[in-house]
Amino acid sequence: MSSTALTFSDDQAEAWDAVSDLLGTAGVDMLGGHTLPPKDDPDSSVLAILGKAGSGKTLLLAELFKNLRASGVDIVSGDWEGRKRRERRTLAILAPTNKAASVLRTRGVPATTIHRILYTPVYDPEYEQIAEWLAGQADRPEIEGLTDVALDRAFASYEVNSSVPAALAAAGLRGSDFITGWKRREDPLDIGFVDESSMLDAKQFQDLQEIFPTLVLFGDPAQLPPVKAEGGQMVFDTLPDSRKRILSRVHRQTADNPILDLAHALADPQVDFYAFERLVEEAAARDDRVVMAQRVESDLMARSPCLVWRNATRIKLIHAFRNAYGAPPDELLEGEPLICDGIELPAKHRKKRLDLEARGLIKGAQVIYLGPGRKPGFSRLHVMGAEDPRISAASIVKIELEGDEEPFIPFAARMGATFLHGAAVTIHKAQGSQWDTVQVFAPDIYAASRMGRMEAGQPLWKRLAYVAITRAENRLCWVVRNRLARPTAPLTTEDLTAAPAPLELAAQTDGEGA
């Protein structure tokens, strides 16, 4: 194994060496620190690095990225891709959701979503000259209408953010000036790192194999499989054992992290729900990072949804949250959380669908409502975890009701992005996300334990509990009663910071209802 600034555990070192061997066939010499010519028509190769929460998967991924970048590998993001040169190799680091990608970006890893790699932006040729110059692939251009000062601002922005759209915005351009459309990727890349690969479905896995001859999957086998997964399997379950490396040692925040201790305690077959709840209570008594909460905190729900198992619980908590803040039934308050439930557009508006999805409005994205847009049915939104979070888009917001009643719609465009309320979400939808503080609604976990259901050989309640508590980065609130605390302050949007380069989706779509 090549030397790094860190001391790896034995299982990390073994995984590093396995990745190094795999990348050697893809034209990257990690030991020598340089790239090689690619092989002609290489076969698709997949390696899975698997481990539970805290086992060091993200640390290993970050160190591999640094090594590949130092070896001269081109890092491909979702915002711009330069001309591929035969003598260079390419790497894209992917996650299934914006939130999962943003977790990696906070650790210095330039991750993007799978969708942003499947669909690439088409740049106006004139402004693409600026992108090529920023990436070191061309000389400084002369662009009519842009001063040297504007280009200097673009260069300074790129040095800080490594983002072409942010740099062009710093030069005074809007997204509609330099991005003319989106297209399905035609040319393959070389290497793909996929985090949170337990969330991949078979179709996404197939798409990735078509793009990347070499794939390294990072995943947690203890999480919940995709809802539509055949036989409850994750994509890496289909790989032979020789294509898997298991990380078993706990690294994250050291072994004294009470949240990780609780997560790993679930693996003990002797621990039933009652024993587990006693472990939570004991952890709360000695460490303030675990709380046995008597009620759900509405203040936290505005940014960190309460995690539940049952849809009925989710809907009840959402209405309790809205009532607590005095939200009227026919409109949203600024600062209310939403979850994107998809995009309702006919086939002829495919470009606008791609525009919205490329900005982060993919199913499951967490969004904060900022207020109405310039036209009826339009909303100003902050997409949590997106690199350019502020957008304006036609919206269809559905507030679900209990029982069989149809949801009421406080406002809606004829077509556009659809949203459900996001004050509470199911544990399945929370996979791939992390929040500083997480509230887990324990009565739902108890209900799952009473049912006795098994999933992929494990009690369902244990998989639900594992996923839910490992969404917490620093603090876990285990809510034991079906009550909601009143908010201590009105809803606000002051905690949200706009990215320096928001694209003007409102300008592109206000006239056509998308």
Protein backbone atom coordinates (compact mmCIF):
# COMPACT_ATOMS: atom_id res chain seq x y z
CA MET A 1 0.00 0.00 0.00
CA SER A 2 1.26 3.46 -0.83
CA SER A 3 1.98 5.65 2.15
CA THR A 4 -0.52 8.29 3.18
CA ALA A 5 -0.69 10.90 5.93
CA LEU A 6 -3.04 8.63 7.89
CA THR A 7 -2.45 5.32 9.58
CA PHE A 8 -5.04 2.90 8.26
CA SER A 9 -6.44 -0.03 10.17
CA ASP A 10 -5.75 -3.48 8.70
CA ASP A 11 -9.17 -3.68 7.04
CA GLN A 12 -8.80 -0.20 5.52
CA ALA A 13 -5.33 -1.07 4.25
CA GLU A 14 -6.67 -4.24 2.62
CA ALA A 15 -9.48 -2.25 0.98
CA TRP A 16 -6.98 0.39 -0.20
CA ASP A 17 -4.82 -2.26 -1.84
CA ALA A 18 -7.84 -3.86 -3.53
CA VAL A 19 -8.89 -0.49 -4.97
CA SER A 20 -5.29 0.20 -6.05
CA ASP A 21 -5.16 -3.12 -7.93
CA LEU A 22 -8.50 -2.41 -9.59
CA LEU A 23 -7.50 1.11 -10.67
CA GLY A 24 -4.24 -0.20 -12.07
CA THR A 25 -6.25 -1.98 -14.75
CA ALA A 26 -8.09 1.30 -15.41
CA GLY A 27 -4.88 3.21 -16.16
CA VAL A 28 -4.06 4.74 -12.75
CA ASP A 29 -0.81 3.88 -10.94
CA MET A 30 -1.61 4.91 -7.35
CA LEU A 31 1.76 3.77 -6.07
CA GLY A 32 3.73 5.69 -8.69
CA GLY A 33 1.35 8.65 -8.67
CA HIS A 34 0.67 8.88 -12.40
CA THR A 35 -1.79 7.80 -15.10
CA LEU A 36 -1.31 5.35 -17.94
CA PRO A 37 -2.92 4.91 -21.36
CA PRO A 38 -6.27 3.11 -21.08
CA LYS A 39 -6.82 -0.41 -22.23
CA ASP A 40 -8.97 -0.85 -25.31
CA ASP A 41 -12.55 -1.84 -24.44
CA PRO A 42 -11.89 -2.82 -20.84
CA ASP A 43 -14.46 -5.06 -19.19
CA SER A 44 -16.66 -3.54 -16.53
CA SER A 45 -15.17 -4.05 -13.07
CA VAL A 46 -16.98 -3.46 -9.78
CA LEU A 47 -15.59 -3.53 -6.24
CA ALA A 48 -17.66 -2.94 -3.09
CA ILE A 49 -16.26 -1.45 0.13
CA LEU A 50 -18.79 -2.33 2.83
CA GLY A 51 -19.08 -1.46 6.49
CA LYS A 52 -21.46 -0.26 9.17
CA ALA A 53 -21.68 3.31 10.41
CA GLY A 54 -18.36 4.60 11.69
CA SER A 55 -16.24 1.91 10.02
CA GLY A 56 -14.22 4.43 8.01
CA LYS A 57 -15.80 4.22 4.54
CA THR A 58 -15.98 7.98 4.04
CA LEU A 59 -12.45 8.48 5.35
CA LEU A 60 -11.16 5.88 2.91
CA LEU A 61 -13.10 7.41 0.02
CA ALA A 62 -11.70 10.87 0.81
CA GLU A 63 -8.11 9.60 0.94
CA LEU A 64 -8.53 7.70 -2.34
CA PHE A 65 -9.85 10.87 -3.97
CA LYS A 66 -6.84 12.88 -2.77
CA ASN A 67 -4.45 10.22 -4.08
CA LEU A 68 -6.13 10.06 -7.49
CA ARG A 69 -6.18 13.83 -7.83
CA ALA A 70 -2.48 13.97 -6.95
CA SER A 71 -1.86 11.26 -9.55
CA GLY A 72 -3.25 13.52 -12.29
CA VAL A 73 -6.75 12.06 -12.61
CA ASP A 74 -9.33 14.58 -13.89
CA ILE A 75 -12.20 15.05 -11.44
CA VAL A 76 -15.52 15.33 -13.29
CA SER A 77 -18.32 17.25 -11.57
CA GLY A 78 -21.89 17.75 -12.62
CA ASP A 79 -21.58 21.39 -13.67
CA TRP A 80 -19.06 21.28 -16.52
CA GLU A 81 -16.84 18.75 -18.23
CA GLY A 82 -13.88 19.69 -20.37
CA ARG A 83 -12.50 17.89 -23.39
CA LYS A 84 -11.38 14.40 -22.51
CA ARG A 85 -7.71 13.82 -23.26
CA ARG A 86 -6.53 10.36 -24.15
CA GLU A 87 -3.58 10.45 -21.79
CA ARG A 88 -5.72 11.41 -18.76
CA ARG A 89 -8.14 9.37 -16.67
CA THR A 90 -11.42 10.67 -15.26
CA LEU A 91 -13.07 10.18 -11.87
CA ALA A 92 -16.59 11.10 -10.74
CA ILE A 93 -17.69 10.80 -7.11
CA LEU A 94 -21.41 10.18 -6.86
CA ALA A 95 -24.24 9.87 -4.36
CA PRO A 96 -27.91 8.98 -4.95
CA THR A 97 -29.23 12.24 -3.42
CA ASN A 98 -28.21 15.87 -3.07
CA LYS A 99 -28.14 15.52 0.72
CA ALA A 100 -25.79 12.53 0.56
CA ALA A 101 -23.55 14.38 -1.91
CA SER A 102 -23.48 17.45 0.34
CA VAL A 103 -22.30 15.31 3.29
CA LEU A 104 -19.25 14.35 1.21
CA ARG A 105 -18.68 17.94 0.03
CA THR A 106 -18.47 19.12 3.65
CA ARG A 107 -15.53 16.71 3.97
CA GLY A 108 -13.74 18.22 0.98
CA VAL A 109 -14.84 15.57 -1.52
CA PRO A 110 -16.35 17.10 -4.72
CA ALA A 111 -19.35 14.78 -4.94
CA THR A 112 -22.32 15.20 -7.23
CA THR A 113 -25.54 13.28 -7.78
CA ILE A 114 -25.94 10.33 -10.10
CA HIS A 115 -28.44 12.34 -12.11
CA ARG A 116 -25.97 15.14 -12.73
CA ILE A 117 -23.56 12.63 -14.28
CA LEU A 118 -26.23 10.91 -16.38
CA TYR A 119 -27.34 14.28 -17.79
CA THR A 120 -24.74 16.91 -18.63
CA PRO A 121 -25.18 20.65 -19.31
CA VAL A 122 -24.74 22.04 -22.81
CA TYR A 123 -22.78 25.31 -22.66
CA ASP A 124 -22.94 28.20 -25.07
CA PRO A 125 -19.68 27.85 -27.10
CA GLU A 126 -18.60 31.42 -26.34
CA TYR A 127 -18.87 31.01 -22.58
CA GLU A 128 -17.41 27.52 -22.69
CA GLN A 129 -14.13 29.23 -23.57
CA ILE A 130 -14.17 30.70 -20.06
CA ALA A 131 -14.76 27.26 -18.54
CA GLU A 132 -11.85 25.78 -20.48
CA TRP A 133 -9.58 28.62 -19.35
CA LEU A 134 -10.62 28.21 -15.70
CA ALA A 135 -9.88 24.48 -15.89
CA GLY A 136 -6.43 25.13 -17.33
CA GLN A 137 -7.28 23.74 -20.77
CA ALA A 138 -7.08 26.98 -22.76
CA ASP A 139 -5.66 30.49 -22.70
CA ARG A 140 -7.51 33.42 -21.16
CA PRO A 141 -10.28 34.33 -23.62
CA GLU A 142 -11.60 37.67 -24.80
CA ILE A 143 -15.38 37.71 -24.54
CA GLU A 144 -17.46 40.57 -25.90
CA GLY A 145 -19.36 42.23 -23.07
CA LEU A 146 -17.10 40.87 -20.31
CA THR A 147 -14.38 43.07 -18.90
CA ASP A 148 -11.03 41.96 -17.54
CA VAL A 149 -12.37 42.74 -14.08
CA ALA A 150 -15.30 40.36 -14.64
CA LEU A 151 -12.95 37.60 -15.80
CA ASP A 152 -10.74 38.20 -12.77
CA ARG A 153 -13.79 37.77 -10.54
CA ALA A 154 -14.62 34.52 -12.32
CA PHE A 155 -11.06 33.25 -11.81
CA ALA A 156 -11.05 34.18 -8.13
CA SER A 157 -14.39 32.42 -7.60
CA TYR A 158 -13.19 29.26 -9.35
CA GLU A 159 -10.05 29.17 -7.21
CA VAL A 160 -12.26 29.02 -4.11
CA ASN A 161 -15.24 26.93 -5.26
CA SER A 162 -13.98 24.88 -8.26
CA SER A 163 -17.43 25.52 -9.74
CA VAL A 164 -17.82 26.81 -13.29
CA PRO A 165 -21.43 28.08 -12.79
CA ALA A 166 -20.35 29.93 -9.64
CA ALA A 167 -17.43 31.49 -11.49
CA LEU A 168 -19.60 32.59 -14.43
CA ALA A 169 -22.15 34.05 -12.03
CA ALA A 170 -19.33 35.97 -10.33
CA ALA A 171 -18.60 37.44 -13.76
CA GLY A 172 -22.17 38.73 -13.91
CA LEU A 173 -23.78 35.99 -16.02
CA ARG A 174 -27.02 34.12 -15.35
CA GLY A 175 -27.44 30.39 -15.85
CA SER A 176 -29.73 31.00 -18.81
CA ASP A 177 -26.87 32.92 -20.48
CA PHE A 178 -24.35 30.09 -20.53
CA ILE A 179 -26.32 26.82 -20.20
CA THR A 180 -28.46 26.22 -23.27
CA GLY A 181 -29.83 22.79 -22.35
CA TRP A 182 -29.13 19.31 -21.01
CA LYS A 183 -28.34 16.02 -22.72
CA ARG A 184 -27.97 12.39 -21.77
CA ARG A 185 -24.29 11.51 -21.43
CA GLU A 186 -22.91 9.95 -24.58
CA ASP A 187 -19.22 9.43 -23.77
CA PRO A 188 -18.24 7.11 -20.92
CA LEU A 189 -15.97 8.12 -18.07
CA ASP A 190 -13.26 5.97 -16.50
CA ILE A 191 -13.80 5.59 -12.75
CA GLY A 192 -16.85 6.07 -10.55
CA PHE A 193 -16.93 6.14 -6.74
CA VAL A 194 -20.51 5.71 -5.47
CA ASP A 195 -21.29 6.53 -1.83
CA GLU A 196 -24.48 5.33 -0.09
CA SER A 197 -24.69 2.52 -2.66
CA SER A 198 -27.21 0.67 -0.48
CA MET A 199 -29.76 3.10 -1.98
CA LEU A 200 -29.08 2.13 -5.59
CA ASP A 201 -31.74 0.24 -7.49
CA ALA A 202 -31.00 -2.21 -10.30
CA LYS A 203 -31.71 0.34 -13.06
CA GLN A 204 -29.35 2.94 -11.58
CA PHE A 205 -26.66 0.28 -11.17
CA GLN A 206 -27.07 -0.70 -14.81
CA ASP A 207 -26.85 2.94 -15.94
CA LEU A 208 -23.65 3.43 -13.95
CA GLN A 209 -22.05 0.31 -15.40
CA GLU A 210 -22.74 1.66 -18.89
CA ILE A 211 -20.90 4.90 -18.04
CA PHE A 212 -18.04 3.62 -15.85
CA PRO A 213 -15.87 0.63 -16.83
CA THR A 214 -14.56 0.79 -13.24
CA LEU A 215 -16.91 1.25 -10.29
CA VAL A 216 -16.15 1.30 -6.57
CA LEU A 217 -19.27 1.09 -4.39
CA PHE A 218 -19.22 2.30 -0.76
CA GLY A 219 -22.17 0.98 1.22
CA ASP A 220 -23.64 -0.08 4.53
CA PRO A 221 -25.17 -3.59 4.42
CA ALA A 222 -27.12 -2.93 7.63
CA GLN A 223 -29.28 -0.22 6.07
CA LEU A 224 -32.68 -0.73 4.48
CA PRO A 225 -32.70 -1.93 0.85
CA PRO A 226 -34.51 0.12 -1.82
CA VAL A 227 -38.28 -0.22 -1.54
CA LYS A 228 -38.59 -2.01 -4.90
CA ALA A 229 -35.47 -4.15 -4.49
CA GLU A 230 -36.03 -7.74 -5.60
CA GLY A 231 -35.81 -10.08 -2.62
CA GLY A 232 -34.76 -7.21 -0.34
CA GLN A 233 -31.27 -7.27 -1.86
CA MET A 234 -28.90 -4.38 -2.37
CA VAL A 235 -26.95 -4.19 -5.63
CA PHE A 236 -23.67 -5.19 -3.99
CA ASP A 237 -25.30 -8.36 -2.60
CA THR A 238 -25.15 -9.76 -6.13
CA LEU A 239 -21.35 -9.43 -6.31
CA PRO A 240 -19.10 -12.42 -5.57
CA ASP A 241 -17.23 -12.32 -2.26
CA SER A 242 -13.95 -11.73 -4.13
CA ARG A 243 -15.34 -8.31 -5.22
CA LYS A 244 -16.15 -7.18 -1.67
CA ARG A 245 -14.01 -5.79 1.13
CA ILE A 246 -15.47 -5.48 4.63
CA LEU A 247 -14.56 -2.70 7.06
CA SER A 248 -15.31 -3.80 10.59
CA ARG A 249 -13.38 -1.50 12.90
CA VAL A 250 -15.26 1.58 14.18
CA HIS A 251 -13.43 4.84 13.37
CA ARG A 252 -15.89 7.73 13.27
CA GLN A 253 -15.68 9.98 16.36
CA THR A 254 -13.79 7.09 18.07
CA ALA A 255 -15.39 4.14 19.81
CA ASP A 256 -16.84 6.21 22.68
CA ASN A 257 -19.60 7.66 20.48
CA PRO A 258 -22.83 6.62 22.24
CA ILE A 259 -24.86 6.82 19.02
CA LEU A 260 -22.53 4.38 17.26
CA ASP A 261 -22.49 2.15 20.33
CA LEU A 262 -26.28 1.94 20.14
CA ALA A 263 -26.20 1.26 16.40
CA HIS A 264 -23.78 -1.63 16.81
CA ALA A 265 -25.68 -3.02 19.81
CA LEU A 266 -28.55 -3.80 17.43
CA ALA A 267 -26.42 -6.57 15.89
CA ASP A 268 -26.71 -8.59 19.11
CA PRO A 269 -29.47 -11.19 18.59
CA GLN A 270 -30.17 -11.13 22.34
CA VAL A 271 -31.17 -7.45 22.24
CA ASP A 272 -34.93 -7.07 21.81
CA PHE A 273 -36.78 -3.75 21.65
CA TYR A 274 -37.13 -3.48 25.45
CA ALA A 275 -33.44 -4.21 26.01
CA PHE A 276 -32.50 -1.71 23.34
CA GLU A 277 -34.62 1.04 24.86
CA ARG A 278 -32.92 0.38 28.21
CA LEU A 279 -29.58 0.83 26.44
CA VAL A 280 -30.81 4.17 25.07
CA GLU A 281 -31.90 5.22 28.56
CA GLU A 282 -28.53 4.25 30.04
CA ALA A 283 -26.67 6.13 27.29
CA ALA A 284 -28.82 9.23 27.92
CA ALA A 285 -28.01 9.12 31.64
CA ARG A 286 -24.25 9.34 31.03
CA ASP A 287 -23.96 11.33 27.78
CA ASP A 288 -25.88 14.40 26.64
CA ARG A 289 -25.50 13.34 23.00
CA VAL A 290 -28.39 10.93 23.63
CA VAL A 291 -31.74 12.16 24.93
CA MET A 292 -34.79 10.19 26.09
CA ALA A 293 -37.27 12.80 24.88
CA GLN A 294 -40.83 12.95 26.19
CA ARG A 295 -42.10 14.81 23.14
CA VAL A 296 -41.18 15.81 19.60
CA GLU A 297 -39.51 19.24 19.36
CA SER A 298 -41.29 21.30 16.70
CA ASP A 299 -38.31 23.71 16.49
CA LEU A 300 -36.11 20.89 15.20
CA MET A 301 -38.70 19.63 12.69
CA ALA A 302 -38.35 22.79 10.62
CA ARG A 303 -34.89 21.68 9.40
CA SER A 304 -34.44 18.13 10.68
CA PRO A 305 -37.55 16.01 10.06
CA CYS A 306 -38.81 13.66 12.71
CA LEU A 307 -38.12 10.11 11.49
CA VAL A 308 -41.04 7.66 11.57
CA TRP A 309 -41.94 4.28 10.14
CA ARG A 310 -45.67 4.60 9.44
CA ASN A 311 -47.24 7.04 7.00
CA ALA A 312 -50.13 7.64 9.41
CA THR A 313 -47.66 8.84 12.06
CA ARG A 314 -45.92 11.07 9.51
CA ILE A 315 -49.18 12.77 8.52
CA LYS A 316 -50.27 13.31 12.15
CA LEU A 317 -46.94 14.89 13.04
CA ILE A 318 -47.03 17.17 9.99
CA HIS A 319 -50.46 18.54 10.94
CA ALA A 320 -49.39 18.94 14.56
CA PHE A 321 -46.32 20.88 13.37
CA ARG A 322 -48.38 23.19 11.13
CA ASN A 323 -50.94 23.79 13.88
CA ALA A 324 -48.20 24.59 16.36
CA TYR A 325 -46.87 27.33 14.07
CA GLY A 326 -50.35 28.62 13.23
CA ALA A 327 -50.02 27.81 9.54
CA PRO A 328 -53.24 28.51 7.61
CA PRO A 329 -54.69 25.57 5.67
CA ASP A 330 -54.63 27.36 2.32
CA GLU A 331 -51.04 28.63 2.21
CA LEU A 332 -47.50 27.89 3.34
CA LEU A 333 -45.46 29.89 5.81
CA GLU A 334 -41.97 30.98 4.80
CA GLY A 335 -39.54 28.50 6.29
CA GLU A 336 -41.79 25.42 6.09
CA PRO A 337 -39.92 22.27 5.00
CA LEU A 338 -40.97 20.32 1.92
CA ILE A 339 -39.93 17.05 0.26
CA CYS A 340 -39.83 16.82 -3.54
CA ASP A 341 -42.12 14.02 -4.70
CA GLY A 342 -41.23 14.18 -8.38
CA ILE A 343 -41.93 16.33 -11.42
CA GLU A 344 -45.21 16.36 -13.30
CA LEU A 345 -44.44 17.48 -16.83
CA PRO A 346 -45.45 16.07 -20.22
CA ALA A 347 -42.82 14.61 -22.55
CA LYS A 348 -42.66 17.78 -24.67
CA HIS A 349 -41.22 19.63 -21.64
CA ARG A 350 -38.31 17.22 -21.24
CA LYS A 351 -35.74 20.05 -21.24
CA LYS A 352 -37.50 21.81 -18.37
CA ARG A 353 -37.68 18.54 -16.42
CA LEU A 354 -33.92 18.17 -16.83
CA ASP A 355 -33.42 21.79 -15.75
CA LEU A 356 -35.31 21.18 -12.52
CA GLU A 357 -33.71 17.82 -11.80
CA ALA A 358 -30.23 19.19 -12.49
CA ARG A 359 -30.83 21.90 -9.88
CA GLY A 360 -31.61 19.27 -7.27
CA LEU A 361 -35.37 18.83 -7.54
CA ILE A 362 -35.21 15.06 -7.71
CA LYS A 363 -37.52 12.80 -5.78
CA GLY A 364 -36.69 12.86 -2.09
CA ALA A 365 -34.88 16.21 -2.11
CA GLN A 366 -35.38 18.31 1.04
CA VAL A 367 -36.52 21.86 0.25
CA ILE A 368 -37.38 24.94 2.31
CA TYR A 369 -40.19 27.21 1.13
CA LEU A 370 -39.02 30.83 0.83
CA GLY A 371 -42.23 32.43 -0.43
CA PRO A 372 -44.31 32.79 -3.59
CA GLY A 373 -42.68 33.36 -6.96
CA ARG A 374 -43.41 36.12 -9.45
CA LYS A 375 -46.37 34.30 -11.01
CA PRO A 376 -49.24 32.29 -9.50
CA GLY A 377 -48.19 28.75 -8.68
CA PHE A 378 -44.47 29.55 -8.59
CA SER A 379 -42.43 29.16 -5.42
CA ARG A 380 -39.06 30.43 -4.32
CA LEU A 381 -37.21 27.50 -2.82
CA HIS A 382 -33.98 26.57 -1.05
CA VAL A 383 -32.81 23.07 -2.01
CA MET A 384 -30.98 21.62 0.98
CA GLY A 385 -27.58 20.19 0.08
CA ALA A 386 -27.54 21.57 -3.47
CA GLU A 387 -24.49 23.48 -4.62
CA ASP A 388 -26.71 26.30 -5.97
CA PRO A 389 -29.68 26.08 -3.61
CA ARG A 390 -31.88 29.09 -4.48
CA ILE A 391 -34.35 28.58 -7.32
CA SER A 392 -37.82 29.59 -8.43
CA ALA A 393 -40.01 26.91 -9.98
CA ALA A 394 -43.62 26.05 -10.70
CA SER A 395 -44.81 23.98 -7.75
CA ILE A 396 -47.62 21.63 -6.81
CA VAL A 397 -47.73 21.33 -3.01
CA LYS A 398 -49.83 18.57 -1.47
CA ILE A 399 -50.68 18.48 2.22
CA GLU A 400 -51.85 14.94 2.97
CA LEU A 401 -54.82 14.26 5.22
CA GLU A 402 -55.46 11.34 7.53
CA GLY A 403 -57.42 8.31 6.37
CA ASP A 404 -58.61 8.02 2.79
CA GLU A 405 -59.22 11.72 2.26
CA GLU A 406 -57.61 13.33 -0.75
CA PRO A 407 -54.72 15.72 0.06
CA PHE A 408 -55.53 19.41 -0.04
CA ILE A 409 -53.39 21.63 -2.23
CA PRO A 410 -52.73 25.12 -0.82
CA PHE A 411 -51.54 26.29 -4.25
CA ALA A 412 -50.49 24.73 -7.52
CA ALA A 413 -49.26 25.49 -10.99
CA ARG A 414 -50.72 23.56 -13.92
CA MET A 415 -47.58 21.42 -13.92
CA GLY A 416 -44.14 21.44 -12.37
CA ALA A 417 -42.32 20.06 -9.34
CA THR A 418 -44.54 18.31 -6.79
CA PHE A 419 -43.94 18.50 -3.04
CA LEU A 420 -45.12 16.86 0.16
CA HIS A 421 -44.61 18.42 3.56
CA GLY A 422 -41.25 17.63 5.13
CA ALA A 423 -41.62 18.15 8.89
CA ALA A 424 -41.69 14.37 9.27
CA VAL A 425 -40.39 11.71 6.85
CA THR A 426 -40.24 7.96 6.79
CA ILE A 427 -36.99 6.28 7.75
CA HIS A 428 -36.77 4.80 4.24
CA LYS A 429 -36.73 8.31 2.71
CA ALA A 430 -34.15 9.51 5.25
CA GLN A 431 -31.47 7.12 3.99
CA GLY A 432 -28.48 8.95 2.60
CA SER A 433 -29.16 12.05 4.68
CA GLN A 434 -27.61 13.21 7.92
CA TRP A 435 -28.55 15.97 10.33
CA ASP A 436 -26.76 17.36 13.35
CA THR A 437 -29.66 16.36 15.62
CA VAL A 438 -32.16 13.64 14.76
CA GLN A 439 -35.48 12.86 16.41
CA VAL A 440 -36.62 9.23 16.13
CA PHE A 441 -40.25 8.46 16.92
CA ALA A 442 -39.80 5.37 19.11
CA PRO A 443 -43.50 4.30 19.25
CA ASP A 444 -43.26 3.48 15.54
CA ILE A 445 -40.14 1.36 16.09
CA TYR A 446 -41.99 -0.44 18.88
CA ALA A 447 -44.93 -1.10 16.54
CA ALA A 448 -42.56 -2.64 14.00
CA SER A 449 -41.06 -4.88 16.69
CA ARG A 450 -44.54 -6.09 17.70
CA MET A 451 -45.24 -7.15 14.12
CA GLY A 452 -42.25 -9.48 14.09
CA ARG A 453 -41.42 -8.79 10.44
CA MET A 454 -38.07 -9.83 9.01
CA GLU A 455 -36.24 -8.12 6.14
CA ALA A 456 -33.15 -9.64 4.49
CA GLY A 457 -32.69 -11.95 7.45
CA GLN A 458 -32.91 -9.24 10.13
CA PRO A 459 -35.83 -8.05 12.27
CA LEU A 460 -37.33 -5.08 10.49
CA TRP A 461 -37.43 -2.97 13.67
CA LYS A 462 -33.66 -3.33 14.08
CA ARG A 463 -32.97 -2.18 10.52
CA LEU A 464 -35.35 0.76 11.00
CA ALA A 465 -33.69 1.71 14.29
CA TYR A 466 -30.19 1.37 12.83
CA VAL A 467 -30.91 3.61 9.84
CA ALA A 468 -32.78 6.17 11.95
CA ILE A 469 -30.20 6.65 14.69
CA THR A 470 -27.23 6.69 12.30
CA ARG A 471 -28.75 9.73 10.55
CA ALA A 472 -27.63 11.72 13.63
CA GLU A 473 -24.22 13.34 13.31
CA ASN A 474 -23.95 14.61 16.88
CA ARG A 475 -27.17 14.21 18.87
CA LEU A 476 -29.94 11.61 19.01
CA CYS A 477 -33.37 12.29 20.50
CA TRP A 478 -35.27 9.04 21.15
CA VAL A 479 -38.87 10.27 21.44
CA VAL A 480 -40.94 7.96 23.64
CA ARG A 481 -44.33 9.73 23.78
CA ASN A 482 -46.81 10.84 21.15
CA ARG A 483 -46.64 14.54 22.00
CA LEU A 484 -45.37 17.70 20.34
CA ALA A 485 -43.66 20.60 22.11
CA ARG A 486 -44.72 24.11 21.15
CA PRO A 487 -42.19 26.11 19.10
CA THR A 488 -40.05 28.63 20.95
CA ALA A 489 -39.89 31.08 18.02
CA PRO A 490 -41.63 31.72 14.69
CA LEU A 491 -40.44 30.02 11.51
CA THR A 492 -37.57 31.81 9.78
CA THR A 493 -35.36 31.55 6.71
CA GLU A 494 -32.50 33.58 8.15
CA ASP A 495 -30.50 30.42 8.84
CA LEU A 496 -30.35 29.59 5.11
CA THR A 497 -27.46 31.04 3.13
CA ALA A 498 -27.75 31.47 -0.62
CA ALA A 499 -25.08 30.04 -2.88
CA PRO A 500 -23.09 32.64 -4.83
CA ALA A 501 -24.34 31.40 -8.19
CA PRO A 502 -28.07 30.59 -8.23
CA LEU A 503 -29.47 29.83 -11.67
CA GLU A 504 -32.50 31.80 -12.73
CA LEU A 505 -35.00 29.01 -13.31
CA ALA A 506 -37.83 31.47 -12.88
CA ALA A 507 -36.64 33.43 -15.89
CA GLN A 508 -36.44 30.26 -17.94
CA THR A 509 -39.78 28.81 -16.99
CA ASP A 510 -42.24 31.48 -15.83
CA GLY A 511 -43.80 31.72 -19.26
CA GLU A 512 -44.38 28.03 -19.77
CA GLY A 513 -45.57 26.66 -16.46
CA ALA A 514 -42.61 24.47 -15.57
